[in-house]
Amino acid sequence: MTDNPVQRRPGGRTARNREKVLRATAELLLREGYEALTIARVAAAAQVADTTVYRHWPSKAHLVLDALSEMARSENPFPDTGTLEGDLRALLRQIVALLERPEVQRVVRTVVSLSGDDAEVSRAKDVFWEERFSGAADLVQRAIARGELPVGTDPYELIEDLSSLAYFRLLVTGRPLDDRVVERSLALVLNRQVSVPGPGGVSSAGIDT
């Protein structure tokens, strides 16, 4: 299996160049948008050769998705408040705060619209979303250990349920991303988890289903 460019984490000078390239990519992307971004402009802004960029990212899509993964890790980390409700509320507030920024909205719409006909781009998108949701596993395992979630809860589905309303409003209806979105989404997720059937057809709240 070939090494996926968006998953590499090199060290030394290569790591420093990688950091500069991703920072330059994020800045250009948020300021000017996807269409205006080019490998040559990124290389110039990062003060590296074009070949340095292409050595690690075979296309603009790969580069952008990797830059967005880094931005998500730094600006939208998975919290640890000590409770499931606190973790989910803090996480969704971070998501909403990011989605309220016009430049982030533009980038999210671009990521969603990237062509699915290119196998490499599709894989890069898969890796982006996998990395974005990977931190949910620890959040869910902590909640299971505290008895707040049933064993077997799917972390990916939990975060999908939590964030889907915010993304639906951004991408479909255009309705406000406000505190009501956070509290409504949180209530829907927590109520759903309470009613999830456990072993023997009994919900986690102990109600026959």
C-alpha atoms as a PDB file:
ATOM      1  CA  MET A   1       0.000   0.000   0.000  1.00  0.00           C
ATOM      2  CA  THR A   2       1.366   3.434  -0.907  1.00  0.00           C
ATOM      3  CA  ASP A   3       1.823   6.085   1.740  1.00  0.00           C
ATOM      4  CA  ASN A   4      -0.977   8.653   1.584  1.00  0.00           C
ATOM      5  CA  PRO A   5       0.431  12.193   1.332  1.00  0.00           C
ATOM      6  CA  VAL A   6      -2.031  13.699   3.779  1.00  0.00           C
ATOM      7  CA  GLN A   7      -1.006  11.201   6.472  1.00  0.00           C
ATOM      8  CA  ARG A   8       2.750  11.772   6.506  1.00  0.00           C
ATOM      9  CA  ARG A   9       4.288  13.355   9.588  1.00  0.00           C
ATOM     10  CA  PRO A  10       7.980  13.840   8.726  1.00  0.00           C
ATOM     11  CA  GLY A  11      10.607  15.318  11.021  1.00  0.00           C
ATOM     12  CA  GLY A  12      13.497  17.806  10.924  1.00  0.00           C
ATOM     13  CA  ARG A  13      13.774  20.277   8.081  1.00  0.00           C
ATOM     14  CA  THR A  14      11.043  18.467   6.178  1.00  0.00           C
ATOM     15  CA  ALA A  15       8.687  18.978   9.127  1.00  0.00           C
ATOM     16  CA  ARG A  16       9.500  22.697   9.239  1.00  0.00           C
ATOM     17  CA  ASN A  17       8.865  23.055   5.521  1.00  0.00           C
ATOM     18  CA  ARG A  18       5.629  21.111   5.870  1.00  0.00           C
ATOM     19  CA  GLU A  19       4.473  23.443   8.640  1.00  0.00           C
ATOM     20  CA  LYS A  20       5.309  26.523   6.575  1.00  0.00           C
ATOM     21  CA  VAL A  21       3.507  25.154   3.514  1.00  0.00           C
ATOM     22  CA  LEU A  22       0.367  24.237   5.440  1.00  0.00           C
ATOM     23  CA  ARG A  23       0.296  27.577   7.234  1.00  0.00           C
ATOM     24  CA  ALA A  24       0.682  29.445   3.932  1.00  0.00           C
ATOM     25  CA  THR A  25      -2.024  27.288   2.363  1.00  0.00           C
ATOM     26  CA  ALA A  26      -4.488  27.980   5.162  1.00  0.00           C
ATOM     27  CA  GLU A  27      -3.820  31.718   5.073  1.00  0.00           C
ATOM     28  CA  LEU A  28      -4.234  31.976   1.300  1.00  0.00           C
ATOM     29  CA  LEU A  29      -7.268  29.704   1.329  1.00  0.00           C
ATOM     30  CA  LEU A  30      -9.119  31.646   4.008  1.00  0.00           C
ATOM     31  CA  ARG A  31      -8.180  35.019   2.564  1.00  0.00           C
ATOM     32  CA  GLU A  32      -8.728  34.411  -1.147  1.00  0.00           C
ATOM     33  CA  GLY A  33     -10.577  31.122  -1.584  1.00  0.00           C
ATOM     34  CA  TYR A  34      -9.888  27.803  -3.277  1.00  0.00           C
ATOM     35  CA  GLU A  35     -10.036  28.920  -6.901  1.00  0.00           C
ATOM     36  CA  ALA A  36      -7.374  31.614  -6.452  1.00  0.00           C
ATOM     37  CA  LEU A  37      -5.004  29.270  -4.660  1.00  0.00           C
ATOM     38  CA  THR A  38      -2.164  27.714  -6.673  1.00  0.00           C
ATOM     39  CA  ILE A  39       0.807  25.546  -5.769  1.00  0.00           C
ATOM     40  CA  ALA A  40       3.135  28.254  -7.051  1.00  0.00           C
ATOM     41  CA  ARG A  41       1.565  30.906  -4.814  1.00  0.00           C
ATOM     42  CA  VAL A  42       1.706  28.634  -1.794  1.00  0.00           C
ATOM     43  CA  ALA A  43       5.366  27.813  -2.452  1.00  0.00           C
ATOM     44  CA  ALA A  44       6.227  31.493  -2.771  1.00  0.00           C
ATOM     45  CA  ALA A  45       4.388  32.383   0.435  1.00  0.00           C
ATOM     46  CA  ALA A  46       6.085  29.521   2.303  1.00  0.00           C
ATOM     47  CA  GLN A  47       9.479  30.380   0.763  1.00  0.00           C
ATOM     48  CA  VAL A  48      10.034  26.877  -0.586  1.00  0.00           C
ATOM     49  CA  ALA A  49      10.407  25.489  -4.100  1.00  0.00           C
ATOM     50  CA  ASP A  50       7.367  24.265  -6.025  1.00  0.00           C
ATOM     51  CA  THR A  51       8.971  20.817  -6.110  1.00  0.00           C
ATOM     52  CA  THR A  52       9.004  20.762  -2.295  1.00  0.00           C
ATOM     53  CA  VAL A  53       5.235  21.119  -2.292  1.00  0.00           C
ATOM     54  CA  TYR A  54       4.622  18.556  -5.030  1.00  0.00           C
ATOM     55  CA  ARG A  55       6.924  16.079  -3.281  1.00  0.00           C
ATOM     56  CA  HIS A  56       4.402  15.760  -0.450  1.00  0.00           C
ATOM     57  CA  TRP A  57       1.089  16.804  -2.019  1.00  0.00           C
ATOM     58  CA  PRO A  58       0.320  15.586  -5.570  1.00  0.00           C
ATOM     59  CA  SER A  59      -2.520  18.053  -6.110  1.00  0.00           C
ATOM     60  CA  LYS A  60      -4.047  21.253  -4.818  1.00  0.00           C
ATOM     61  CA  ALA A  61      -6.946  19.281  -3.343  1.00  0.00           C
ATOM     62  CA  HIS A  62      -4.586  17.123  -1.255  1.00  0.00           C
ATOM     63  CA  LEU A  63      -2.765  20.215  -0.024  1.00  0.00           C
ATOM     64  CA  VAL A  64      -5.950  22.057   0.908  1.00  0.00           C
ATOM     65  CA  LEU A  65      -7.452  19.103   2.743  1.00  0.00           C
ATOM     66  CA  ASP A  66      -4.254  18.563   4.716  1.00  0.00           C
ATOM     67  CA  ALA A  67      -4.128  22.259   5.625  1.00  0.00           C
ATOM     68  CA  LEU A  68      -7.746  22.109   6.789  1.00  0.00           C
ATOM     69  CA  SER A  69      -6.988  19.049   8.918  1.00  0.00           C
ATOM     70  CA  GLU A  70      -4.201  20.967  10.661  1.00  0.00           C
ATOM     71  CA  MET A  71      -6.475  23.969  11.181  1.00  0.00           C
ATOM     72  CA  ALA A  72      -9.229  21.777  12.635  1.00  0.00           C
ATOM     73  CA  ARG A  73      -6.798  20.139  15.052  1.00  0.00           C
ATOM     74  CA  SER A  74      -5.598  23.506  16.351  1.00  0.00           C
ATOM     75  CA  GLU A  75      -8.892  25.455  16.345  1.00  0.00           C
ATOM     76  CA  ASN A  76     -11.449  22.727  17.018  1.00  0.00           C
ATOM     77  CA  PRO A  77      -9.852  20.181  19.385  1.00  0.00           C
ATOM     78  CA  PHE A  78     -11.985  17.585  21.123  1.00  0.00           C
ATOM     79  CA  PRO A  79     -12.597  18.843  24.687  1.00  0.00           C
ATOM     80  CA  ASP A  80     -12.417  16.981  27.991  1.00  0.00           C
ATOM     81  CA  THR A  81     -14.743  18.719  30.475  1.00  0.00           C
ATOM     82  CA  GLY A  82     -15.460  15.683  32.629  1.00  0.00           C
ATOM     83  CA  THR A  83     -18.994  15.035  31.380  1.00  0.00           C
ATOM     84  CA  LEU A  84     -20.515  13.940  28.084  1.00  0.00           C
ATOM     85  CA  GLU A  85     -22.888  16.897  27.992  1.00  0.00           C
ATOM     86  CA  GLY A  86     -20.075  19.332  28.707  1.00  0.00           C
ATOM     87  CA  ASP A  87     -17.830  17.781  26.058  1.00  0.00           C
ATOM     88  CA  LEU A  88     -20.532  17.839  23.382  1.00  0.00           C
ATOM     89  CA  ARG A  89     -21.633  21.382  24.185  1.00  0.00           C
ATOM     90  CA  ALA A  90     -18.055  22.683  24.102  1.00  0.00           C
ATOM     91  CA  LEU A  91     -17.301  20.830  20.866  1.00  0.00           C
ATOM     92  CA  LEU A  92     -20.400  22.073  19.078  1.00  0.00           C
ATOM     93  CA  ARG A  93     -19.806  25.639  20.206  1.00  0.00           C
ATOM     94  CA  GLN A  94     -16.324  25.420  18.674  1.00  0.00           C
ATOM     95  CA  ILE A  95     -17.801  24.053  15.441  1.00  0.00           C
ATOM     96  CA  VAL A  96     -20.436  26.799  15.276  1.00  0.00           C
ATOM     97  CA  ALA A  97     -17.859  29.503  16.036  1.00  0.00           C
ATOM     98  CA  LEU A  98     -15.774  28.288  13.081  1.00  0.00           C
ATOM     99  CA  LEU A  99     -18.763  27.982  10.752  1.00  0.00           C
ATOM    100  CA  GLU A 100     -19.850  31.534  11.563  1.00  0.00           C
ATOM    101  CA  ARG A 101     -16.682  32.891   9.941  1.00  0.00           C
ATOM    102  CA  PRO A 102     -17.392  33.810   6.288  1.00  0.00           C
ATOM    103  CA  GLU A 103     -13.981  32.615   5.107  1.00  0.00           C
ATOM    104  CA  VAL A 104     -14.510  29.230   6.779  1.00  0.00           C
ATOM    105  CA  GLN A 105     -17.974  28.945   5.252  1.00  0.00           C
ATOM    106  CA  ARG A 106     -16.454  29.470   1.813  1.00  0.00           C
ATOM    107  CA  VAL A 107     -13.845  26.782   2.440  1.00  0.00           C
ATOM    108  CA  VAL A 108     -16.372  24.251   3.767  1.00  0.00           C
ATOM    109  CA  ARG A 109     -18.528  24.684   0.681  1.00  0.00           C
ATOM    110  CA  THR A 110     -15.433  24.149  -1.458  1.00  0.00           C
ATOM    111  CA  VAL A 111     -14.463  20.928   0.332  1.00  0.00           C
ATOM    112  CA  VAL A 112     -17.982  19.573  -0.068  1.00  0.00           C
ATOM    113  CA  SER A 113     -17.963  20.379  -3.785  1.00  0.00           C
ATOM    114  CA  LEU A 114     -14.589  18.795  -4.628  1.00  0.00           C
ATOM    115  CA  SER A 115     -15.042  16.269  -7.394  1.00  0.00           C
ATOM    116  CA  GLY A 116     -15.799  12.707  -6.380  1.00  0.00           C
ATOM    117  CA  ASP A 117     -14.784  11.458  -9.830  1.00  0.00           C
ATOM    118  CA  ASP A 118     -11.067  11.662  -8.976  1.00  0.00           C
ATOM    119  CA  ALA A 119     -10.099   8.628  -6.881  1.00  0.00           C
ATOM    120  CA  GLU A 120      -7.156  10.428  -5.264  1.00  0.00           C
ATOM    121  CA  VAL A 121      -9.297  13.432  -4.331  1.00  0.00           C
ATOM    122  CA  SER A 122     -11.974  11.128  -2.938  1.00  0.00           C
ATOM    123  CA  ARG A 123      -9.396   9.355  -0.815  1.00  0.00           C
ATOM    124  CA  ALA A 124      -7.991  12.663   0.398  1.00  0.00           C
ATOM    125  CA  LYS A 125     -11.496  13.735   1.414  1.00  0.00           C
ATOM    126  CA  ASP A 126     -12.006  10.438   3.249  1.00  0.00           C
ATOM    127  CA  VAL A 127      -8.764  10.906   5.164  1.00  0.00           C
ATOM    128  CA  PHE A 128      -9.714  14.496   6.009  1.00  0.00           C
ATOM    129  CA  TRP A 129     -13.036  13.444   7.548  1.00  0.00           C
ATOM    130  CA  GLU A 130     -11.520  10.395   9.244  1.00  0.00           C
ATOM    131  CA  GLU A 131      -8.897  12.582  10.911  1.00  0.00           C
ATOM    132  CA  ARG A 132     -11.495  15.212  11.829  1.00  0.00           C
ATOM    133  CA  PHE A 133     -13.643  12.671  13.649  1.00  0.00           C
ATOM    134  CA  SER A 134     -10.892  10.438  15.042  1.00  0.00           C
ATOM    135  CA  GLY A 135     -10.772  12.374  18.326  1.00  0.00           C
ATOM    136  CA  ALA A 136     -14.394  11.451  18.959  1.00  0.00           C
ATOM    137  CA  ALA A 137     -13.320   7.926  19.904  1.00  0.00           C
ATOM    138  CA  ASP A 138     -11.613   9.117  23.103  1.00  0.00           C
ATOM    139  CA  LEU A 139     -14.581  11.351  23.964  1.00  0.00           C
ATOM    140  CA  VAL A 140     -16.978   8.428  23.577  1.00  0.00           C
ATOM    141  CA  GLN A 141     -14.793   5.960  25.491  1.00  0.00           C
ATOM    142  CA  ARG A 142     -14.588   8.357  28.437  1.00  0.00           C
ATOM    143  CA  ALA A 143     -18.364   8.714  28.434  1.00  0.00           C
ATOM    144  CA  ILE A 144     -18.805   4.924  28.299  1.00  0.00           C
ATOM    145  CA  ALA A 145     -16.428   4.519  31.243  1.00  0.00           C
ATOM    146  CA  ARG A 146     -18.511   7.036  33.229  1.00  0.00           C
ATOM    147  CA  GLY A 147     -21.704   5.175  32.374  1.00  0.00           C
ATOM    148  CA  GLU A 148     -23.056   8.055  30.272  1.00  0.00           C
ATOM    149  CA  LEU A 149     -23.161   6.119  26.995  1.00  0.00           C
ATOM    150  CA  PRO A 150     -23.944   2.477  26.209  1.00  0.00           C
ATOM    151  CA  VAL A 151     -21.100   0.179  25.237  1.00  0.00           C
ATOM    152  CA  GLY A 152     -20.792   0.024  21.471  1.00  0.00           C
ATOM    153  CA  THR A 153     -21.722   3.657  20.809  1.00  0.00           C
ATOM    154  CA  ASP A 154     -20.359   4.658  17.394  1.00  0.00           C
ATOM    155  CA  PRO A 155     -18.184   7.806  17.811  1.00  0.00           C
ATOM    156  CA  TYR A 156     -18.547   8.804  14.164  1.00  0.00           C
ATOM    157  CA  GLU A 157     -22.334   8.611  14.275  1.00  0.00           C
ATOM    158  CA  LEU A 158     -22.446  10.544  17.551  1.00  0.00           C
ATOM    159  CA  ILE A 159     -20.501  13.479  16.096  1.00  0.00           C
ATOM    160  CA  GLU A 160     -22.509  13.293  12.861  1.00  0.00           C
ATOM    161  CA  ASP A 161     -25.709  13.601  14.876  1.00  0.00           C
ATOM    162  CA  LEU A 162     -24.265  16.449  16.933  1.00  0.00           C
ATOM    163  CA  SER A 163     -23.026  18.582  14.026  1.00  0.00           C
ATOM    164  CA  SER A 164     -25.503  17.742  11.265  1.00  0.00           C
ATOM    165  CA  LEU A 165     -27.961  20.557  12.027  1.00  0.00           C
ATOM    166  CA  ALA A 166     -25.205  23.193  11.973  1.00  0.00           C
ATOM    167  CA  TYR A 167     -23.888  21.949   8.619  1.00  0.00           C
ATOM    168  CA  PHE A 168     -27.422  21.628   7.237  1.00  0.00           C
ATOM    169  CA  ARG A 169     -28.089  25.268   8.051  1.00  0.00           C
ATOM    170  CA  LEU A 170     -24.783  26.332   6.512  1.00  0.00           C
ATOM    171  CA  LEU A 171     -25.071  24.315   3.318  1.00  0.00           C
ATOM    172  CA  VAL A 172     -28.821  24.095   2.733  1.00  0.00           C
ATOM    173  CA  THR A 173     -31.152  26.524   4.514  1.00  0.00           C
ATOM    174  CA  GLY A 174     -28.885  29.424   5.455  1.00  0.00           C
ATOM    175  CA  ARG A 175     -30.686  29.845   8.788  1.00  0.00           C
ATOM    176  CA  PRO A 176     -28.732  31.390  11.695  1.00  0.00           C
ATOM    177  CA  LEU A 177     -26.037  29.461  13.518  1.00  0.00           C
ATOM    178  CA  ASP A 178     -26.960  30.529  17.042  1.00  0.00           C
ATOM    179  CA  ASP A 179     -27.112  29.184  20.593  1.00  0.00           C
ATOM    180  CA  ARG A 180     -30.446  27.523  19.818  1.00  0.00           C
ATOM    181  CA  VAL A 181     -28.664  25.341  17.250  1.00  0.00           C
ATOM    182  CA  VAL A 182     -26.220  24.223  19.935  1.00  0.00           C
ATOM    183  CA  GLU A 183     -28.853  23.443  22.566  1.00  0.00           C
ATOM    184  CA  ARG A 184     -31.293  21.825  20.136  1.00  0.00           C
ATOM    185  CA  SER A 185     -28.576  19.614  18.649  1.00  0.00           C
ATOM    186  CA  LEU A 186     -27.307  18.680  22.087  1.00  0.00           C
ATOM    187  CA  ALA A 187     -30.790  17.751  23.302  1.00  0.00           C
ATOM    188  CA  LEU A 188     -31.442  15.643  20.214  1.00  0.00           C
ATOM    189  CA  VAL A 189     -28.173  13.731  20.622  1.00  0.00           C
ATOM    190  CA  LEU A 190     -28.555  13.146  24.359  1.00  0.00           C
ATOM    191  CA  ASN A 191     -32.185  12.050  23.997  1.00  0.00           C
ATOM    192  CA  ARG A 192     -31.246   9.699  21.180  1.00  0.00           C
ATOM    193  CA  GLN A 193     -28.489   8.096  23.242  1.00  0.00           C
ATOM    194  CA  VAL A 194     -30.863   7.571  26.165  1.00  0.00           C
ATOM    195  CA  SER A 195     -33.316   5.770  23.912  1.00  0.00           C
ATOM    196  CA  VAL A 196     -30.781   3.601  22.057  1.00  0.00           C
ATOM    197  CA  PRO A 197     -31.751  -0.089  22.555  1.00  0.00           C
ATOM    198  CA  GLY A 198     -29.271  -2.114  24.588  1.00  0.00           C
ATOM    199  CA  PRO A 199     -28.922  -5.868  24.965  1.00  0.00           C
ATOM    200  CA  GLY A 200     -32.242  -7.684  25.073  1.00  0.00           C
ATOM    201  CA  GLY A 201     -34.165  -4.852  23.436  1.00  0.00           C
ATOM    202  CA  VAL A 202     -33.991  -2.564  26.480  1.00  0.00           C
ATOM    203  CA  SER A 203     -32.947   1.029  26.087  1.00  0.00           C
ATOM    204  CA  SER A 204     -30.069   2.506  28.053  1.00  0.00           C
ATOM    205  CA  ALA A 205     -32.719   4.218  30.200  1.00  0.00           C
ATOM    206  CA  GLY A 206     -34.197   0.835  31.057  1.00  0.00           C
ATOM    207  CA  ILE A 207     -37.377   1.274  29.002  1.00  0.00           C
ATOM    208  CA  ASP A 208     -38.658  -1.617  26.929  1.00  0.00           C
ATOM    209  CA  THR A 209     -38.399  -0.953  23.193  1.00  0.00           C
END
